Amino acid sequence: MDLVMLTQAMFMLGFVAMAAGTFYFVLERGELKGDGRTSATYAALITFIAAIFYWQMKDIVAFPNPGDVSLIADTMPVRYLDWVLTTPLLLIEFGLIAGLAGAEKGLTYRLVMADIVMIVTGYFGEIGVAGSAGNVVNFAISSAAWAYIAYTVWQLKPKKGTAAVKAAVNNMKKFVIFGWLVYPIGTAIQEFLELNNSDAETIKLAVCSAAIIYVIADIINKVGFGIFALKAFKKD
């Protein structure tokens, strides 16, 4: 199977996973109360938005045009629009759980602001010319914003709440720190290959591989994140 066609198939998998996650979170919402129901609402909204964008990306990378790696590049604005909407919601959901564990006020606001900076500068760092000063500066700012988020989340220690809430906070921290690390690494690899004038097949492999890894990471970071959040409330 051509790599571009495989990437499209992965976009379809992303859509199915996000749609199934939305259905699951909506069903679970009816069994929860208070903050648990709010968390389920956030989880369902995140996966619902992602499902819409994955459907769109699947259509952009069309089967009648196998081998055209530029089609994957065309999905980039859609992917970043997904991220700029869903990642703040993920951090708001995280803040909801962290608040039950005694996190200080203002944590969610700071994380969301850093996240928006990370996504916006990451986008501008990708659309520019490889190796240009603008790309380097934007990538540096985006990476610094991610490092701030990772450090802030890593420093968070559950101070109160049930054992289930504390466990959920510790597990969700891993999603934000390690799960999100995939994205800057993928971007850096593509930038490096383009900068070093790699051959077309190598670029194609890098672009397609990164897109496929992003799909897998999105499923884990969005669906898996929501499952762990709801697990804490169900145990309570």
C-alpha atoms as a PDB file:
ATOM      1  CA  MET A   1       0.000   0.000   0.000  1.00  0.00           C
ATOM      2  CA  ASP A   2       1.270   3.476  -0.850  1.00  0.00           C
ATOM      3  CA  LEU A   3       2.280   5.521   2.201  1.00  0.00           C
ATOM      4  CA  VAL A   4      -0.121   8.329   1.373  1.00  0.00           C
ATOM      5  CA  MET A   5      -3.010   5.868   1.110  1.00  0.00           C
ATOM      6  CA  LEU A   6      -1.941   4.293   4.417  1.00  0.00           C
ATOM      7  CA  THR A   7      -1.963   7.746   5.967  1.00  0.00           C
ATOM      8  CA  GLN A   8      -5.495   8.314   4.734  1.00  0.00           C
ATOM      9  CA  ALA A   9      -6.535   4.991   6.224  1.00  0.00           C
ATOM     10  CA  MET A  10      -5.050   6.165   9.530  1.00  0.00           C
ATOM     11  CA  PHE A  11      -7.042   9.390   9.290  1.00  0.00           C
ATOM     12  CA  MET A  12     -10.158   7.237   8.955  1.00  0.00           C
ATOM     13  CA  LEU A  13      -9.040   5.239  11.992  1.00  0.00           C
ATOM     14  CA  GLY A  14      -8.632   8.524  13.853  1.00  0.00           C
ATOM     15  CA  PHE A  15     -12.177   9.514  12.935  1.00  0.00           C
ATOM     16  CA  VAL A  16     -13.630   6.170  14.059  1.00  0.00           C
ATOM     17  CA  ALA A  17     -11.697   6.238  17.349  1.00  0.00           C
ATOM     18  CA  MET A  18     -12.780   9.805  18.120  1.00  0.00           C
ATOM     19  CA  ALA A  19     -16.402   9.099  17.192  1.00  0.00           C
ATOM     20  CA  ALA A  20     -16.419   5.977  19.364  1.00  0.00           C
ATOM     21  CA  GLY A  21     -14.838   7.959  22.207  1.00  0.00           C
ATOM     22  CA  THR A  22     -17.543  10.612  21.920  1.00  0.00           C
ATOM     23  CA  PHE A  23     -20.266   7.970  22.077  1.00  0.00           C
ATOM     24  CA  TYR A  24     -18.638   6.370  25.124  1.00  0.00           C
ATOM     25  CA  PHE A  25     -18.239   9.653  27.019  1.00  0.00           C
ATOM     26  CA  VAL A  26     -21.834  10.680  26.313  1.00  0.00           C
ATOM     27  CA  LEU A  27     -23.063   7.340  27.683  1.00  0.00           C
ATOM     28  CA  GLU A  28     -20.840   7.638  30.761  1.00  0.00           C
ATOM     29  CA  ARG A  29     -22.020  11.178  31.395  1.00  0.00           C
ATOM     30  CA  GLY A  30     -25.468   9.917  32.367  1.00  0.00           C
ATOM     31  CA  GLU A  31     -23.988   7.831  35.180  1.00  0.00           C
ATOM     32  CA  LEU A  32     -22.028  10.676  36.766  1.00  0.00           C
ATOM     33  CA  LYS A  33     -22.882  13.762  38.776  1.00  0.00           C
ATOM     34  CA  GLY A  34     -21.362  17.170  39.465  1.00  0.00           C
ATOM     35  CA  ASP A  35     -17.733  17.526  38.396  1.00  0.00           C
ATOM     36  CA  GLY A  36     -17.786  14.022  36.956  1.00  0.00           C
ATOM     37  CA  ARG A  37     -20.522  14.967  34.521  1.00  0.00           C
ATOM     38  CA  THR A  38     -18.646  18.160  33.612  1.00  0.00           C
ATOM     39  CA  SER A  39     -15.487  16.154  32.940  1.00  0.00           C
ATOM     40  CA  ALA A  40     -17.431  13.736  30.718  1.00  0.00           C
ATOM     41  CA  THR A  41     -18.833  16.709  28.799  1.00  0.00           C
ATOM     42  CA  TYR A  42     -15.335  18.060  28.157  1.00  0.00           C
ATOM     43  CA  ALA A  43     -14.092  14.621  27.098  1.00  0.00           C
ATOM     44  CA  ALA A  44     -16.992  14.160  24.666  1.00  0.00           C
ATOM     45  CA  LEU A  45     -16.556  17.655  23.223  1.00  0.00           C
ATOM     46  CA  ILE A  46     -12.826  17.096  22.673  1.00  0.00           C
ATOM     47  CA  THR A  47     -13.300  13.835  20.783  1.00  0.00           C
ATOM     48  CA  PHE A  48     -16.291  15.195  18.867  1.00  0.00           C
ATOM     49  CA  ILE A  49     -14.266  18.149  17.556  1.00  0.00           C
ATOM     50  CA  ALA A  50     -11.373  15.845  16.688  1.00  0.00           C
ATOM     51  CA  ALA A  51     -13.698  13.443  14.852  1.00  0.00           C
ATOM     52  CA  ILE A  52     -14.938  16.271  12.613  1.00  0.00           C
ATOM     53  CA  PHE A  53     -11.415  17.343  11.717  1.00  0.00           C
ATOM     54  CA  TYR A  54     -10.222  13.801  11.094  1.00  0.00           C
ATOM     55  CA  TRP A  55     -13.102  13.284   8.702  1.00  0.00           C
ATOM     56  CA  GLN A  56     -11.999  16.422   6.876  1.00  0.00           C
ATOM     57  CA  MET A  57      -8.361  15.307   6.753  1.00  0.00           C
ATOM     58  CA  LYS A  58      -9.423  11.936   5.385  1.00  0.00           C
ATOM     59  CA  ASP A  59     -11.133  13.697   2.493  1.00  0.00           C
ATOM     60  CA  ILE A  60      -8.127  15.937   1.790  1.00  0.00           C
ATOM     61  CA  VAL A  61      -5.815  12.925   1.381  1.00  0.00           C
ATOM     62  CA  ALA A  62      -7.939  11.267  -1.300  1.00  0.00           C
ATOM     63  CA  PHE A  63      -7.526   7.701  -2.569  1.00  0.00           C
ATOM     64  CA  PRO A  64      -7.630   8.713  -6.279  1.00  0.00           C
ATOM     65  CA  ASN A  65      -4.304  10.530  -5.780  1.00  0.00           C
ATOM     66  CA  PRO A  66      -1.883   7.963  -4.305  1.00  0.00           C
ATOM     67  CA  GLY A  67       1.708   8.986  -3.828  1.00  0.00           C
ATOM     68  CA  ASP A  68       1.138  12.747  -3.635  1.00  0.00           C
ATOM     69  CA  VAL A  69       2.769  13.662  -0.320  1.00  0.00           C
ATOM     70  CA  SER A  70       1.757  17.325  -0.772  1.00  0.00           C
ATOM     71  CA  LEU A  71      -1.793  16.249   0.096  1.00  0.00           C
ATOM     72  CA  ILE A  72      -0.649  15.444   3.616  1.00  0.00           C
ATOM     73  CA  ALA A  73       0.864  18.920   3.891  1.00  0.00           C
ATOM     74  CA  ASP A  74      -2.560  20.278   2.931  1.00  0.00           C
ATOM     75  CA  THR A  75      -4.001  18.720   6.101  1.00  0.00           C
ATOM     76  CA  MET A  76      -1.675  20.758   8.343  1.00  0.00           C
ATOM     77  CA  PRO A  77      -3.976  23.800   8.821  1.00  0.00           C
ATOM     78  CA  VAL A  78      -6.847  21.440   9.691  1.00  0.00           C
ATOM     79  CA  ARG A  79      -4.699  19.563  12.204  1.00  0.00           C
ATOM     80  CA  TYR A  80      -3.549  22.763  13.903  1.00  0.00           C
ATOM     81  CA  LEU A  81      -7.118  24.057  14.040  1.00  0.00           C
ATOM     82  CA  ASP A  82      -8.014  20.804  15.778  1.00  0.00           C
ATOM     83  CA  TRP A  83      -5.178  21.227  18.268  1.00  0.00           C
ATOM     84  CA  VAL A  84      -5.870  24.886  19.044  1.00  0.00           C
ATOM     85  CA  LEU A  85      -9.437  23.930  19.988  1.00  0.00           C
ATOM     86  CA  THR A  86      -8.957  20.569  21.692  1.00  0.00           C
ATOM     87  CA  THR A  87      -5.716  20.934  23.652  1.00  0.00           C
ATOM     88  CA  PRO A  88      -6.993  23.872  25.765  1.00  0.00           C
ATOM     89  CA  LEU A  89     -10.089  21.794  26.534  1.00  0.00           C
ATOM     90  CA  LEU A  90      -7.835  18.904  27.580  1.00  0.00           C
ATOM     91  CA  LEU A  91      -5.998  21.199  29.975  1.00  0.00           C
ATOM     92  CA  ILE A  92      -9.285  22.554  31.340  1.00  0.00           C
ATOM     93  CA  GLU A  93     -10.390  18.976  31.971  1.00  0.00           C
ATOM     94  CA  PHE A  94      -7.035  18.295  33.643  1.00  0.00           C
ATOM     95  CA  GLY A  95      -7.452  21.422  35.759  1.00  0.00           C
ATOM     96  CA  LEU A  96     -10.863  20.191  36.895  1.00  0.00           C
ATOM     97  CA  ILE A  97      -9.335  16.992  38.285  1.00  0.00           C
ATOM     98  CA  ALA A  98      -6.248  18.801  39.601  1.00  0.00           C
ATOM     99  CA  GLY A  99      -8.490  21.235  41.478  1.00  0.00           C
ATOM    100  CA  LEU A 100     -10.019  18.321  43.385  1.00  0.00           C
ATOM    101  CA  ALA A 101      -6.477  17.270  44.312  1.00  0.00           C
ATOM    102  CA  GLY A 102      -5.646  20.678  45.764  1.00  0.00           C
ATOM    103  CA  ALA A 103      -4.017  22.458  42.807  1.00  0.00           C
ATOM    104  CA  GLU A 104      -3.648  26.217  43.230  1.00  0.00           C
ATOM    105  CA  LYS A 105      -6.031  28.634  41.572  1.00  0.00           C
ATOM    106  CA  GLY A 106      -4.882  29.988  38.241  1.00  0.00           C
ATOM    107  CA  LEU A 107      -3.150  26.760  37.186  1.00  0.00           C
ATOM    108  CA  THR A 108      -5.561  26.054  34.348  1.00  0.00           C
ATOM    109  CA  TYR A 109      -5.387  29.634  33.039  1.00  0.00           C
ATOM    110  CA  ARG A 110      -1.574  29.568  32.894  1.00  0.00           C
ATOM    111  CA  LEU A 111      -1.510  26.175  31.204  1.00  0.00           C
ATOM    112  CA  VAL A 112      -4.080  27.161  28.589  1.00  0.00           C
ATOM    113  CA  MET A 113      -2.275  30.421  27.749  1.00  0.00           C
ATOM    114  CA  ALA A 114       1.023  28.546  27.317  1.00  0.00           C
ATOM    115  CA  ASP A 115      -0.756  25.927  25.215  1.00  0.00           C
ATOM    116  CA  ILE A 116      -2.188  28.505  22.812  1.00  0.00           C
ATOM    117  CA  VAL A 117       1.269  30.051  22.407  1.00  0.00           C
ATOM    118  CA  MET A 118       2.686  26.570  21.754  1.00  0.00           C
ATOM    119  CA  ILE A 119       0.136  25.727  19.052  1.00  0.00           C
ATOM    120  CA  VAL A 120       0.135  29.098  17.275  1.00  0.00           C
ATOM    121  CA  THR A 121       3.926  29.437  17.113  1.00  0.00           C
ATOM    122  CA  GLY A 122       4.205  25.755  16.183  1.00  0.00           C
ATOM    123  CA  TYR A 123       1.962  26.369  13.191  1.00  0.00           C
ATOM    124  CA  PHE A 124       3.938  29.384  11.983  1.00  0.00           C
ATOM    125  CA  GLY A 125       7.105  27.414  12.536  1.00  0.00           C
ATOM    126  CA  GLU A 126       5.871  24.758  10.108  1.00  0.00           C
ATOM    127  CA  ILE A 127       4.500  26.907   7.298  1.00  0.00           C
ATOM    128  CA  GLY A 128       7.700  28.919   6.846  1.00  0.00           C
ATOM    129  CA  VAL A 129      10.788  28.059   4.840  1.00  0.00           C
ATOM    130  CA  ALA A 130      12.804  25.247   6.416  1.00  0.00           C
ATOM    131  CA  GLY A 131      15.797  26.616   8.305  1.00  0.00           C
ATOM    132  CA  SER A 132      14.665  30.243   8.093  1.00  0.00           C
ATOM    133  CA  ALA A 133      15.076  32.522  11.099  1.00  0.00           C
ATOM    134  CA  GLY A 134      11.296  32.756  11.502  1.00  0.00           C
ATOM    135  CA  ASN A 135      10.940  28.980  11.605  1.00  0.00           C
ATOM    136  CA  VAL A 136      13.711  28.610  14.148  1.00  0.00           C
ATOM    137  CA  VAL A 137      12.326  31.343  16.422  1.00  0.00           C
ATOM    138  CA  ASN A 138       8.764  30.020  16.259  1.00  0.00           C
ATOM    139  CA  PHE A 139       9.879  26.450  16.901  1.00  0.00           C
ATOM    140  CA  ALA A 140      11.984  27.622  19.865  1.00  0.00           C
ATOM    141  CA  ILE A 141       9.045  29.550  21.357  1.00  0.00           C
ATOM    142  CA  SER A 142       6.693  26.620  20.793  1.00  0.00           C
ATOM    143  CA  SER A 143       9.138  24.194  22.426  1.00  0.00           C
ATOM    144  CA  ALA A 144       9.670  26.566  25.356  1.00  0.00           C
ATOM    145  CA  ALA A 145       5.895  26.778  25.873  1.00  0.00           C
ATOM    146  CA  TRP A 146       5.683  22.971  25.881  1.00  0.00           C
ATOM    147  CA  ALA A 147       8.578  22.807  28.381  1.00  0.00           C
ATOM    148  CA  TYR A 148       6.736  25.285  30.637  1.00  0.00           C
ATOM    149  CA  ILE A 149       3.572  23.165  30.501  1.00  0.00           C
ATOM    150  CA  ALA A 150       5.516  19.955  31.151  1.00  0.00           C
ATOM    151  CA  TYR A 151       7.446  21.480  34.076  1.00  0.00           C
ATOM    152  CA  THR A 152       4.338  23.020  35.638  1.00  0.00           C
ATOM    153  CA  VAL A 153       2.398  19.768  35.393  1.00  0.00           C
ATOM    154  CA  TRP A 154       5.353  17.706  36.635  1.00  0.00           C
ATOM    155  CA  GLN A 155       5.638  19.913  39.745  1.00  0.00           C
ATOM    156  CA  LEU A 156       1.986  19.356  40.614  1.00  0.00           C
ATOM    157  CA  LYS A 157       1.617  17.106  43.650  1.00  0.00           C
ATOM    158  CA  PRO A 158      -1.870  15.938  44.714  1.00  0.00           C
ATOM    159  CA  LYS A 159      -2.452  17.305  48.223  1.00  0.00           C
ATOM    160  CA  LYS A 160      -5.988  16.152  48.902  1.00  0.00           C
ATOM    161  CA  GLY A 161      -8.867  14.178  47.438  1.00  0.00           C
ATOM    162  CA  THR A 162      -9.549  10.472  47.278  1.00  0.00           C
ATOM    163  CA  ALA A 163      -7.010   7.872  46.209  1.00  0.00           C
ATOM    164  CA  ALA A 164      -8.801   7.644  42.848  1.00  0.00           C
ATOM    165  CA  VAL A 165      -8.468  11.401  42.244  1.00  0.00           C
ATOM    166  CA  LYS A 166      -4.785  11.408  43.181  1.00  0.00           C
ATOM    167  CA  ALA A 167      -4.118   8.434  40.897  1.00  0.00           C
ATOM    168  CA  ALA A 168      -5.980  10.156  38.047  1.00  0.00           C
ATOM    169  CA  VAL A 169      -3.888  13.323  38.418  1.00  0.00           C
ATOM    170  CA  ASN A 170      -0.639  11.341  38.363  1.00  0.00           C
ATOM    171  CA  ASN A 171      -1.741   9.364  35.285  1.00  0.00           C
ATOM    172  CA  MET A 172      -3.027  12.411  33.415  1.00  0.00           C
ATOM    173  CA  LYS A 173       0.281  14.206  34.075  1.00  0.00           C
ATOM    174  CA  LYS A 174       1.998  11.501  32.019  1.00  0.00           C
ATOM    175  CA  PHE A 175      -0.327  12.144  29.083  1.00  0.00           C
ATOM    176  CA  VAL A 176       0.511  15.866  29.071  1.00  0.00           C
ATOM    177  CA  ILE A 177       4.257  15.443  29.609  1.00  0.00           C
ATOM    178  CA  PHE A 178       5.148  12.356  27.581  1.00  0.00           C
ATOM    179  CA  GLY A 179       2.180  12.088  25.233  1.00  0.00           C
ATOM    180  CA  TRP A 180       2.619  15.650  23.982  1.00  0.00           C
ATOM    181  CA  LEU A 181       6.371  15.209  23.511  1.00  0.00           C
ATOM    182  CA  VAL A 182       5.649  13.308  20.276  1.00  0.00           C
ATOM    183  CA  TYR A 183       4.559  16.441  18.421  1.00  0.00           C
ATOM    184  CA  PRO A 184       7.673  18.664  18.671  1.00  0.00           C
ATOM    185  CA  ILE A 185       9.888  15.651  17.944  1.00  0.00           C
ATOM    186  CA  GLY A 186       7.936  14.907  14.748  1.00  0.00           C
ATOM    187  CA  THR A 187       8.147  18.523  13.646  1.00  0.00           C
ATOM    188  CA  ALA A 188      11.887  18.718  14.347  1.00  0.00           C
ATOM    189  CA  ILE A 189      12.603  15.564  12.315  1.00  0.00           C
ATOM    190  CA  GLN A 190      10.697  16.852   9.285  1.00  0.00           C
ATOM    191  CA  GLU A 191      12.425  20.236   9.516  1.00  0.00           C
ATOM    192  CA  PHE A 192      15.835  18.553   9.734  1.00  0.00           C
ATOM    193  CA  LEU A 193      15.227  16.382   6.671  1.00  0.00           C
ATOM    194  CA  GLU A 194      13.927  19.286   4.588  1.00  0.00           C
ATOM    195  CA  LEU A 195      16.840  21.480   5.656  1.00  0.00           C
ATOM    196  CA  ASN A 196      19.369  18.830   4.624  1.00  0.00           C
ATOM    197  CA  ASN A 197      17.837  18.437   1.157  1.00  0.00           C
ATOM    198  CA  SER A 198      16.872  14.824   1.620  1.00  0.00           C
ATOM    199  CA  ASP A 199      15.562  12.949  -1.394  1.00  0.00           C
ATOM    200  CA  ALA A 200      11.842  12.888  -2.182  1.00  0.00           C
ATOM    201  CA  GLU A 201      11.302   9.354  -0.883  1.00  0.00           C
ATOM    202  CA  THR A 202      12.933  10.157   2.455  1.00  0.00           C
ATOM    203  CA  ILE A 203      10.804  13.277   2.840  1.00  0.00           C
ATOM    204  CA  LYS A 204       7.707  11.280   1.944  1.00  0.00           C
ATOM    205  CA  LEU A 205       8.555   8.628   4.526  1.00  0.00           C
ATOM    206  CA  ALA A 206       9.152  11.260   7.202  1.00  0.00           C
ATOM    207  CA  VAL A 207       5.966  13.217   6.467  1.00  0.00           C
ATOM    208  CA  CYS A 208       3.744  10.139   6.286  1.00  0.00           C
ATOM    209  CA  SER A 209       5.322   8.546   9.355  1.00  0.00           C
ATOM    210  CA  ALA A 210       4.863  11.749  11.354  1.00  0.00           C
ATOM    211  CA  ALA A 211       1.203  12.014  10.292  1.00  0.00           C
ATOM    212  CA  ILE A 212       0.556   8.397  11.291  1.00  0.00           C
ATOM    213  CA  ILE A 213       2.290   8.862  14.650  1.00  0.00           C
ATOM    214  CA  TYR A 214       0.243  12.023  15.250  1.00  0.00           C
ATOM    215  CA  VAL A 215      -2.967  10.028  14.710  1.00  0.00           C
ATOM    216  CA  ILE A 216      -1.921   7.397  17.237  1.00  0.00           C
ATOM    217  CA  ALA A 217      -0.803  10.079  19.705  1.00  0.00           C
ATOM    218  CA  ASP A 218      -4.083  11.977  19.288  1.00  0.00           C
ATOM    219  CA  ILE A 219      -6.136   8.861  20.021  1.00  0.00           C
ATOM    220  CA  ILE A 220      -4.112   8.118  23.149  1.00  0.00           C
ATOM    221  CA  ASN A 221      -3.974  11.712  24.364  1.00  0.00           C
ATOM    222  CA  LYS A 222      -7.660  12.477  23.781  1.00  0.00           C
ATOM    223  CA  VAL A 223      -9.587   9.255  24.235  1.00  0.00           C
ATOM    224  CA  GLY A 224      -7.201   7.749  26.788  1.00  0.00           C
ATOM    225  CA  PHE A 225      -6.971  11.014  28.719  1.00  0.00           C
ATOM    226  CA  GLY A 226     -10.757  11.202  29.034  1.00  0.00           C
ATOM    227  CA  ILE A 227     -11.054   7.577  30.132  1.00  0.00           C
ATOM    228  CA  PHE A 228      -8.601   8.118  32.993  1.00  0.00           C
ATOM    229  CA  ALA A 229     -10.447  11.279  34.062  1.00  0.00           C
ATOM    230  CA  LEU A 230     -13.809   9.540  34.164  1.00  0.00           C
ATOM    231  CA  LYS A 231     -12.327   6.524  35.913  1.00  0.00           C
ATOM    232  CA  ALA A 232     -11.537   8.684  38.934  1.00  0.00           C
ATOM    233  CA  PHE A 233     -15.082   9.986  39.222  1.00  0.00           C
ATOM    234  CA  LYS A 234     -16.601   6.525  38.740  1.00  0.00           C
ATOM    235  CA  LYS A 235     -14.463   5.121  41.548  1.00  0.00           C
ATOM    236  CA  ASP A 236     -15.605   7.954  43.815  1.00  0.00           C
END
